[in-house]
Amino acid sequence: MIDTLDATDHRILAVLQRDCAAPLDAVSETVGLSRNACWRRIKRLEDAGVIRARVALLDPAQLGLGLMVLMAVRTRQHTADWAARFARALETLPEVTAAWRTSGEVDYMLQARVRDMPAYDALYKRLIAQVELEDVSASFVMEELKSTTALPL
């Protein structure tokens, strides 16, 4: 799909990244298309999976989730069965908002949002009760300098 995106598609995506609830008339005017042509392009981008979802970005602090935790996870087990159990465990932990399998010293990096240190401790205990891990170390975000969902287009 990436090969078939043109400058107009990029402009549409830029508008929707800023505000996915922008009225179709406003998007079409901004990118210089008719309402119907713009709608067809957005539909094509959705059908192709370029636009995966339209969501509201919530303020974690306003919801009592002011502590962001970055968790570095190491394991001695590298079997498909263990990886599947780990993935299932993550699905049961709504506090974990992102997870990546990484290269290097750390096998997985997790991002979590919790209320406070006791809430992190409860999350940690629920995680280690579900799957055997060699080590979990946590870093607590002191200041968020940049956080964006917008991709560079």
N, C-alpha and C. Protein backbone atom coordinates (compact mmCIF):
# COMPACT_ATOMS: atom_id res chain seq x y z
N MET A 1 0.82 -1.21 0.00
CA MET A 1 0.00 0.00 0.00
C MET A 1 0.86 1.26 0.00
N ILE A 2 2.01 1.20 0.66
CA ILE A 2 2.85 2.40 0.80
C ILE A 2 3.26 2.95 -0.56
N ASP A 3 3.42 2.10 -1.56
CA ASP A 3 3.82 2.56 -2.89
C ASP A 3 2.72 3.32 -3.61
N THR A 4 1.48 3.11 -3.21
CA THR A 4 0.37 3.74 -3.91
C THR A 4 -0.12 5.01 -3.23
N LEU A 5 0.49 5.38 -2.11
CA LEU A 5 0.09 6.61 -1.43
C LEU A 5 0.67 7.82 -2.16
N ASP A 6 -0.17 8.81 -2.41
CA ASP A 6 0.32 10.02 -3.04
C ASP A 6 0.30 11.17 -2.04
N ALA A 7 0.64 12.36 -2.51
CA ALA A 7 0.73 13.52 -1.62
C ALA A 7 -0.62 13.84 -0.98
N THR A 8 -1.71 13.63 -1.70
CA THR A 8 -3.03 13.89 -1.14
C THR A 8 -3.34 12.92 -0.01
N ASP A 9 -2.99 11.64 -0.20
CA ASP A 9 -3.16 10.66 0.88
C ASP A 9 -2.37 11.08 2.11
N HIS A 10 -1.16 11.54 1.90
CA HIS A 10 -0.33 11.99 3.02
C HIS A 10 -0.96 13.18 3.74
N ARG A 11 -1.54 14.10 2.97
CA ARG A 11 -2.20 15.26 3.60
C ARG A 11 -3.42 14.81 4.41
N ILE A 12 -4.19 13.88 3.86
CA ILE A 12 -5.34 13.34 4.58
C ILE A 12 -4.88 12.69 5.89
N LEU A 13 -3.85 11.88 5.81
CA LEU A 13 -3.34 11.19 7.00
C LEU A 13 -2.82 12.19 8.03
N ALA A 14 -2.17 13.24 7.58
CA ALA A 14 -1.67 14.25 8.51
C ALA A 14 -2.82 14.92 9.25
N VAL A 15 -3.89 15.24 8.53
CA VAL A 15 -5.06 15.86 9.18
C VAL A 15 -5.67 14.90 10.19
N LEU A 16 -5.87 13.65 9.80
CA LEU A 16 -6.51 12.68 10.69
C LEU A 16 -5.63 12.33 11.89
N GLN A 17 -4.30 12.38 11.73
CA GLN A 17 -3.43 12.15 12.89
C GLN A 17 -3.59 13.25 13.92
N ARG A 18 -3.83 14.47 13.47
CA ARG A 18 -4.02 15.58 14.41
C ARG A 18 -5.38 15.51 15.07
N ASP A 19 -6.42 15.12 14.28
CA ASP A 19 -7.78 15.08 14.81
C ASP A 19 -8.61 14.11 13.99
N CYS A 20 -8.74 12.89 14.50
CA CYS A 20 -9.48 11.88 13.75
C CYS A 20 -10.98 12.16 13.73
N ALA A 21 -11.44 13.08 14.56
CA ALA A 21 -12.86 13.44 14.59
C ALA A 21 -13.16 14.66 13.73
N ALA A 22 -12.16 15.11 12.97
CA ALA A 22 -12.39 16.27 12.10
C ALA A 22 -13.53 15.95 11.13
N PRO A 23 -14.44 16.87 10.96
CA PRO A 23 -15.54 16.62 10.02
C PRO A 23 -15.00 16.39 8.61
N LEU A 24 -15.65 15.51 7.89
CA LEU A 24 -15.23 15.18 6.54
C LEU A 24 -15.14 16.42 5.66
N ASP A 25 -16.07 17.35 5.84
CA ASP A 25 -16.03 18.59 5.05
C ASP A 25 -14.74 19.37 5.32
N ALA A 26 -14.32 19.41 6.58
CA ALA A 26 -13.09 20.13 6.93
C ALA A 26 -11.87 19.43 6.35
N VAL A 27 -11.84 18.09 6.42
CA VAL A 27 -10.70 17.34 5.87
C VAL A 27 -10.63 17.56 4.36
N SER A 28 -11.76 17.42 3.69
CA SER A 28 -11.75 17.57 2.23
C SER A 28 -11.35 18.98 1.81
N GLU A 29 -11.80 19.99 2.55
CA GLU A 29 -11.40 21.36 2.22
C GLU A 29 -9.90 21.56 2.44
N THR A 30 -9.38 21.02 3.53
CA THR A 30 -7.96 21.18 3.85
C THR A 30 -7.07 20.55 2.78
N VAL A 31 -7.48 19.39 2.27
CA VAL A 31 -6.63 18.67 1.30
C VAL A 31 -7.00 18.99 -0.15
N GLY A 32 -8.05 19.77 -0.36
CA GLY A 32 -8.40 20.19 -1.72
C GLY A 32 -9.11 19.14 -2.54
N LEU A 33 -9.98 18.37 -1.90
CA LEU A 33 -10.78 17.37 -2.62
C LEU A 33 -12.25 17.60 -2.37
N SER A 34 -13.08 17.02 -3.23
CA SER A 34 -14.51 17.03 -2.95
C SER A 34 -14.77 16.12 -1.76
N ARG A 35 -15.90 16.31 -1.13
CA ARG A 35 -16.27 15.49 0.03
C ARG A 35 -16.26 14.01 -0.33
N ASN A 36 -16.88 13.63 -1.46
CA ASN A 36 -16.97 12.23 -1.86
C ASN A 36 -15.60 11.63 -2.20
N ALA A 37 -14.78 12.39 -2.89
CA ALA A 37 -13.44 11.90 -3.23
C ALA A 37 -12.60 11.69 -1.97
N CYS A 38 -12.74 12.59 -1.03
CA CYS A 38 -12.01 12.47 0.23
C CYS A 38 -12.49 11.25 1.00
N TRP A 39 -13.81 11.07 1.08
CA TRP A 39 -14.37 9.91 1.78
C TRP A 39 -13.87 8.61 1.17
N ARG A 40 -13.84 8.54 -0.18
CA ARG A 40 -13.36 7.32 -0.86
C ARG A 40 -11.90 7.04 -0.51
N ARG A 41 -11.09 8.07 -0.47
CA ARG A 41 -9.67 7.87 -0.12
C ARG A 41 -9.53 7.39 1.33
N ILE A 42 -10.26 8.01 2.24
CA ILE A 42 -10.19 7.59 3.65
C ILE A 42 -10.64 6.14 3.76
N LYS A 43 -11.71 5.77 3.10
CA LYS A 43 -12.22 4.39 3.12
C LYS A 43 -11.17 3.43 2.57
N ARG A 44 -10.50 3.82 1.48
CA ARG A 44 -9.44 2.97 0.90
C ARG A 44 -8.29 2.81 1.88
N LEU A 45 -7.91 3.88 2.56
CA LEU A 45 -6.83 3.82 3.55
C LEU A 45 -7.21 2.93 4.73
N GLU A 46 -8.48 2.98 5.12
CA GLU A 46 -8.95 2.10 6.20
C GLU A 46 -8.98 0.65 5.74
N ASP A 47 -9.53 0.40 4.56
CA ASP A 47 -9.62 -0.97 4.04
C ASP A 47 -8.24 -1.61 3.86
N ALA A 48 -7.25 -0.79 3.50
CA ALA A 48 -5.90 -1.30 3.29
C ALA A 48 -5.13 -1.47 4.61
N GLY A 49 -5.70 -0.98 5.71
CA GLY A 49 -5.03 -1.11 7.00
C GLY A 49 -4.04 -0.01 7.30
N VAL A 50 -3.93 0.99 6.43
CA VAL A 50 -3.05 2.14 6.71
C VAL A 50 -3.61 2.89 7.92
N ILE A 51 -4.92 3.10 7.94
CA ILE A 51 -5.59 3.64 9.12
C ILE A 51 -6.11 2.43 9.88
N ARG A 52 -5.47 2.13 11.01
CA ARG A 52 -5.85 0.94 11.79
C ARG A 52 -7.05 1.18 12.68
N ALA A 53 -7.18 2.38 13.22
CA ALA A 53 -8.27 2.69 14.15
C ALA A 53 -8.37 4.19 14.31
N ARG A 54 -9.52 4.63 14.75
CA ARG A 54 -9.72 6.02 15.12
C ARG A 54 -10.04 6.02 16.61
N VAL A 55 -9.23 6.72 17.38
CA VAL A 55 -9.34 6.64 18.84
C VAL A 55 -9.29 8.02 19.47
N ALA A 56 -9.70 8.07 20.73
CA ALA A 56 -9.54 9.27 21.53
C ALA A 56 -8.30 9.08 22.40
N LEU A 57 -7.44 10.07 22.47
CA LEU A 57 -6.27 10.02 23.33
C LEU A 57 -6.64 10.63 24.67
N LEU A 58 -6.51 9.85 25.72
CA LEU A 58 -6.92 10.28 27.05
C LEU A 58 -5.73 10.78 27.85
N ASP A 59 -5.98 11.66 28.79
CA ASP A 59 -4.94 12.18 29.66
C ASP A 59 -4.80 11.26 30.87
N PRO A 60 -3.70 10.51 30.97
CA PRO A 60 -3.54 9.55 32.07
C PRO A 60 -3.63 10.19 33.45
N ALA A 61 -3.05 11.37 33.62
CA ALA A 61 -3.07 12.03 34.93
C ALA A 61 -4.50 12.37 35.35
N GLN A 62 -5.32 12.80 34.40
CA GLN A 62 -6.72 13.14 34.71
C GLN A 62 -7.51 11.91 35.14
N LEU A 63 -7.00 10.72 34.75
CA LEU A 63 -7.69 9.47 35.08
C LEU A 63 -7.03 8.75 36.25
N GLY A 64 -6.12 9.45 36.94
CA GLY A 64 -5.47 8.85 38.09
C GLY A 64 -4.39 7.84 37.74
N LEU A 65 -3.83 7.94 36.55
CA LEU A 65 -2.79 7.01 36.10
C LEU A 65 -1.52 7.80 35.78
N GLY A 66 -1.07 8.56 36.75
CA GLY A 66 0.02 9.51 36.54
C GLY A 66 1.41 8.92 36.52
N LEU A 67 1.57 7.65 36.87
CA LEU A 67 2.91 7.05 36.90
C LEU A 67 3.11 6.16 35.69
N MET A 68 4.07 6.53 34.83
CA MET A 68 4.43 5.67 33.70
C MET A 68 5.65 4.86 34.09
N VAL A 69 5.58 3.57 33.80
CA VAL A 69 6.66 2.65 34.15
C VAL A 69 7.17 2.00 32.87
N LEU A 70 8.48 1.98 32.73
CA LEU A 70 9.12 1.24 31.64
C LEU A 70 9.75 0.01 32.27
N MET A 71 9.30 -1.16 31.86
CA MET A 71 9.74 -2.41 32.46
C MET A 71 10.62 -3.18 31.48
N ALA A 72 11.82 -3.53 31.93
CA ALA A 72 12.73 -4.35 31.13
C ALA A 72 12.63 -5.78 31.64
N VAL A 73 12.26 -6.70 30.76
CA VAL A 73 12.00 -8.08 31.14
C VAL A 73 13.01 -9.00 30.46
N ARG A 74 13.60 -9.86 31.27
CA ARG A 74 14.50 -10.90 30.74
C ARG A 74 13.95 -12.26 31.10
N THR A 75 14.16 -13.21 30.21
CA THR A 75 13.74 -14.58 30.44
C THR A 75 14.84 -15.53 30.00
N ARG A 76 14.84 -16.72 30.57
CA ARG A 76 15.76 -17.77 30.11
C ARG A 76 15.07 -18.69 29.11
N GLN A 77 13.77 -18.54 29.00
CA GLN A 77 12.99 -19.41 28.13
C GLN A 77 12.70 -18.69 26.82
N HIS A 78 13.00 -19.36 25.73
CA HIS A 78 12.79 -18.76 24.41
C HIS A 78 12.03 -19.72 23.51
N THR A 79 11.06 -20.42 24.10
CA THR A 79 10.26 -21.35 23.32
C THR A 79 8.99 -20.66 22.83
N ALA A 80 8.40 -21.22 21.80
CA ALA A 80 7.15 -20.67 21.28
C ALA A 80 6.05 -20.77 22.33
N ASP A 81 6.04 -21.86 23.10
CA ASP A 81 5.02 -22.03 24.13
C ASP A 81 5.15 -20.94 25.20
N TRP A 82 6.37 -20.68 25.66
CA TRP A 82 6.57 -19.63 26.67
C TRP A 82 6.15 -18.27 26.12
N ALA A 83 6.55 -17.97 24.89
CA ALA A 83 6.20 -16.68 24.29
C ALA A 83 4.69 -16.51 24.19
N ALA A 84 3.99 -17.59 23.86
CA ALA A 84 2.52 -17.52 23.78
C ALA A 84 1.92 -17.29 25.17
N ARG A 85 2.44 -17.94 26.19
CA ARG A 85 1.96 -17.73 27.56
C ARG A 85 2.22 -16.29 28.00
N PHE A 86 3.39 -15.76 27.65
CA PHE A 86 3.73 -14.38 28.01
C PHE A 86 2.77 -13.41 27.33
N ALA A 87 2.51 -13.62 26.05
CA ALA A 87 1.58 -12.75 25.31
C ALA A 87 0.18 -12.82 25.93
N ARG A 88 -0.26 -14.01 26.32
CA ARG A 88 -1.57 -14.14 26.97
C ARG A 88 -1.58 -13.42 28.31
N ALA A 89 -0.49 -13.52 29.05
CA ALA A 89 -0.41 -12.82 30.34
C ALA A 89 -0.54 -11.32 30.14
N LEU A 90 0.13 -10.78 29.13
CA LEU A 90 0.04 -9.34 28.87
C LEU A 90 -1.39 -8.90 28.56
N GLU A 91 -2.14 -9.75 27.90
CA GLU A 91 -3.53 -9.42 27.56
C GLU A 91 -4.38 -9.27 28.82
N THR A 92 -3.99 -9.90 29.92
CA THR A 92 -4.76 -9.82 31.15
C THR A 92 -4.38 -8.61 32.01
N LEU A 93 -3.40 -7.85 31.55
CA LEU A 93 -2.86 -6.73 32.33
C LEU A 93 -3.15 -5.41 31.61
N PRO A 94 -4.30 -4.80 31.85
CA PRO A 94 -4.65 -3.58 31.12
C PRO A 94 -3.70 -2.42 31.41
N GLU A 95 -2.99 -2.48 32.52
CA GLU A 95 -2.03 -1.41 32.83
C GLU A 95 -0.87 -1.39 31.82
N VAL A 96 -0.57 -2.53 31.21
CA VAL A 96 0.49 -2.60 30.21
C VAL A 96 -0.08 -2.05 28.91
N THR A 97 0.40 -0.88 28.51
CA THR A 97 -0.14 -0.20 27.34
C THR A 97 0.66 -0.44 26.07
N ALA A 98 1.87 -0.98 26.21
CA ALA A 98 2.68 -1.31 25.04
C ALA A 98 3.69 -2.37 25.46
N ALA A 99 4.05 -3.22 24.51
CA ALA A 99 5.03 -4.27 24.77
C ALA A 99 5.79 -4.57 23.49
N TRP A 100 7.09 -4.73 23.62
CA TRP A 100 7.94 -5.00 22.47
C TRP A 100 8.93 -6.11 22.80
N ARG A 101 9.16 -7.03 21.86
CA ARG A 101 10.26 -7.99 21.96
C ARG A 101 11.47 -7.30 21.36
N THR A 102 12.58 -7.31 22.09
CA THR A 102 13.74 -6.52 21.68
C THR A 102 14.98 -7.38 21.54
N SER A 103 15.99 -6.81 20.93
CA SER A 103 17.28 -7.47 20.83
C SER A 103 18.19 -6.96 21.94
N GLY A 104 19.28 -7.65 22.17
CA GLY A 104 20.24 -7.19 23.17
C GLY A 104 20.05 -7.85 24.51
N GLU A 105 20.43 -7.17 25.57
CA GLU A 105 20.40 -7.71 26.93
C GLU A 105 18.99 -7.95 27.46
N VAL A 106 18.05 -7.16 27.00
CA VAL A 106 16.67 -7.24 27.46
C VAL A 106 15.84 -7.95 26.40
N ASP A 107 14.99 -8.87 26.84
CA ASP A 107 14.17 -9.62 25.88
C ASP A 107 12.89 -8.88 25.51
N TYR A 108 12.29 -8.19 26.48
CA TYR A 108 11.04 -7.47 26.25
C TYR A 108 11.08 -6.13 26.99
N MET A 109 10.46 -5.14 26.39
CA MET A 109 10.25 -3.85 27.04
C MET A 109 8.73 -3.64 27.13
N LEU A 110 8.29 -3.26 28.31
CA LEU A 110 6.87 -3.00 28.53
C LEU A 110 6.69 -1.56 28.98
N GLN A 111 5.61 -0.97 28.58
CA GLN A 111 5.22 0.35 29.08
C GLN A 111 3.92 0.15 29.85
N ALA A 112 3.86 0.69 31.03
CA ALA A 112 2.65 0.56 31.84
C ALA A 112 2.26 1.90 32.42
N ARG A 113 0.97 2.06 32.66
CA ARG A 113 0.42 3.25 33.31
C ARG A 113 -0.30 2.79 34.57
N VAL A 114 0.12 3.33 35.71
CA VAL A 114 -0.48 2.97 36.99
C VAL A 114 -0.70 4.22 37.83
N ARG A 115 -1.46 4.06 38.91
CA ARG A 115 -1.76 5.18 39.79
C ARG A 115 -0.52 5.60 40.58
N ASP A 116 0.17 4.61 41.18
CA ASP A 116 1.26 4.92 42.10
C ASP A 116 2.13 3.68 42.29
N MET A 117 3.09 3.76 43.19
CA MET A 117 4.02 2.66 43.42
C MET A 117 3.31 1.39 43.90
N PRO A 118 2.37 1.46 44.85
CA PRO A 118 1.65 0.23 45.22
C PRO A 118 0.91 -0.41 44.04
N ALA A 119 0.38 0.40 43.15
CA ALA A 119 -0.30 -0.14 41.98
C ALA A 119 0.71 -0.82 41.05
N TYR A 120 1.92 -0.24 40.92
CA TYR A 120 2.95 -0.92 40.14
C TYR A 120 3.32 -2.25 40.78
N ASP A 121 3.48 -2.27 42.11
CA ASP A 121 3.83 -3.50 42.80
C ASP A 121 2.78 -4.59 42.56
N ALA A 122 1.51 -4.21 42.58
CA ALA A 122 0.43 -5.17 42.31
C ALA A 122 0.52 -5.69 40.88
N LEU A 123 0.81 -4.81 39.93
CA LEU A 123 0.98 -5.22 38.54
C LEU A 123 2.15 -6.21 38.42
N TYR A 124 3.26 -5.88 39.03
CA TYR A 124 4.45 -6.74 39.01
C TYR A 124 4.10 -8.13 39.55
N LYS A 125 3.42 -8.17 40.67
CA LYS A 125 3.08 -9.46 41.29
C LYS A 125 2.14 -10.28 40.41
N ARG A 126 1.19 -9.61 39.75
CA ARG A 126 0.28 -10.32 38.84
C ARG A 126 1.04 -10.86 37.63
N LEU A 127 2.01 -10.10 37.14
CA LEU A 127 2.80 -10.56 35.99
C LEU A 127 3.63 -11.78 36.35
N ILE A 128 4.39 -11.72 37.43
CA ILE A 128 5.27 -12.84 37.76
C ILE A 128 4.50 -14.08 38.23
N ALA A 129 3.25 -13.91 38.64
CA ALA A 129 2.44 -15.06 39.01
C ALA A 129 1.97 -15.84 37.78
N GLN A 130 1.97 -15.19 36.62
CA GLN A 130 1.44 -15.80 35.41
C GLN A 130 2.49 -16.48 34.53
N VAL A 131 3.72 -15.98 34.60
CA VAL A 131 4.74 -16.50 33.70
C VAL A 131 6.11 -16.39 34.37
N GLU A 132 6.95 -17.39 34.18
CA GLU A 132 8.28 -17.41 34.79
C GLU A 132 9.20 -16.43 34.06
N LEU A 133 9.82 -15.53 34.85
CA LEU A 133 10.73 -14.54 34.29
C LEU A 133 12.06 -14.62 35.02
N GLU A 134 13.14 -14.31 34.32
CA GLU A 134 14.45 -14.27 34.98
C GLU A 134 14.63 -12.97 35.75
N ASP A 135 14.21 -11.85 35.14
CA ASP A 135 14.41 -10.56 35.79
C ASP A 135 13.43 -9.55 35.23
N VAL A 136 12.94 -8.69 36.11
CA VAL A 136 12.12 -7.54 35.71
C VAL A 136 12.71 -6.33 36.42
N SER A 137 13.14 -5.36 35.65
CA SER A 137 13.60 -4.12 36.26
C SER A 137 12.73 -2.99 35.73
N ALA A 138 12.49 -2.02 36.59
CA ALA A 138 11.57 -0.94 36.22
C ALA A 138 12.27 0.39 36.32
N SER A 139 11.92 1.26 35.39
CA SER A 139 12.31 2.67 35.44
C SER A 139 11.03 3.47 35.48
N PHE A 140 11.00 4.48 36.32
CA PHE A 140 9.81 5.30 36.50
C PHE A 140 10.04 6.64 35.82
N VAL A 141 9.13 7.01 34.96
CA VAL A 141 9.26 8.23 34.17
C VAL A 141 9.07 9.43 35.09
N MET A 142 10.10 10.26 35.13
CA MET A 142 10.07 11.48 35.96
C MET A 142 9.44 12.65 35.22
N GLU A 143 9.72 12.73 33.92
CA GLU A 143 9.20 13.82 33.09
C GLU A 143 9.04 13.30 31.67
N GLU A 144 7.90 13.54 31.09
CA GLU A 144 7.63 13.14 29.72
C GLU A 144 7.97 14.31 28.81
N LEU A 145 9.05 14.17 28.05
CA LEU A 145 9.52 15.26 27.20
C LEU A 145 8.83 15.29 25.84
N LYS A 146 8.49 14.09 25.34
CA LYS A 146 7.78 14.01 24.07
C LYS A 146 7.00 12.71 24.03
N SER A 147 5.77 12.81 23.61
CA SER A 147 4.95 11.64 23.43
C SER A 147 3.97 11.96 22.32
N THR A 148 4.01 11.20 21.27
CA THR A 148 3.13 11.45 20.15
C THR A 148 2.70 10.13 19.52
N THR A 149 1.54 10.13 18.95
CA THR A 149 1.09 8.97 18.16
C THR A 149 1.25 9.26 16.68
N ALA A 150 1.59 10.50 16.33
CA ALA A 150 1.71 10.90 14.93
C ALA A 150 2.99 10.34 14.33
N LEU A 151 2.85 9.70 13.17
CA LEU A 151 3.99 9.18 12.44
C LEU A 151 4.52 10.25 11.50
N PRO A 152 5.82 10.28 11.25
CA PRO A 152 6.36 11.28 10.30
C PRO A 152 5.96 10.90 8.88
N LEU A 153 5.30 11.79 8.19
CA LEU A 153 4.84 11.52 6.82
C LEU A 153 5.65 12.32 5.83
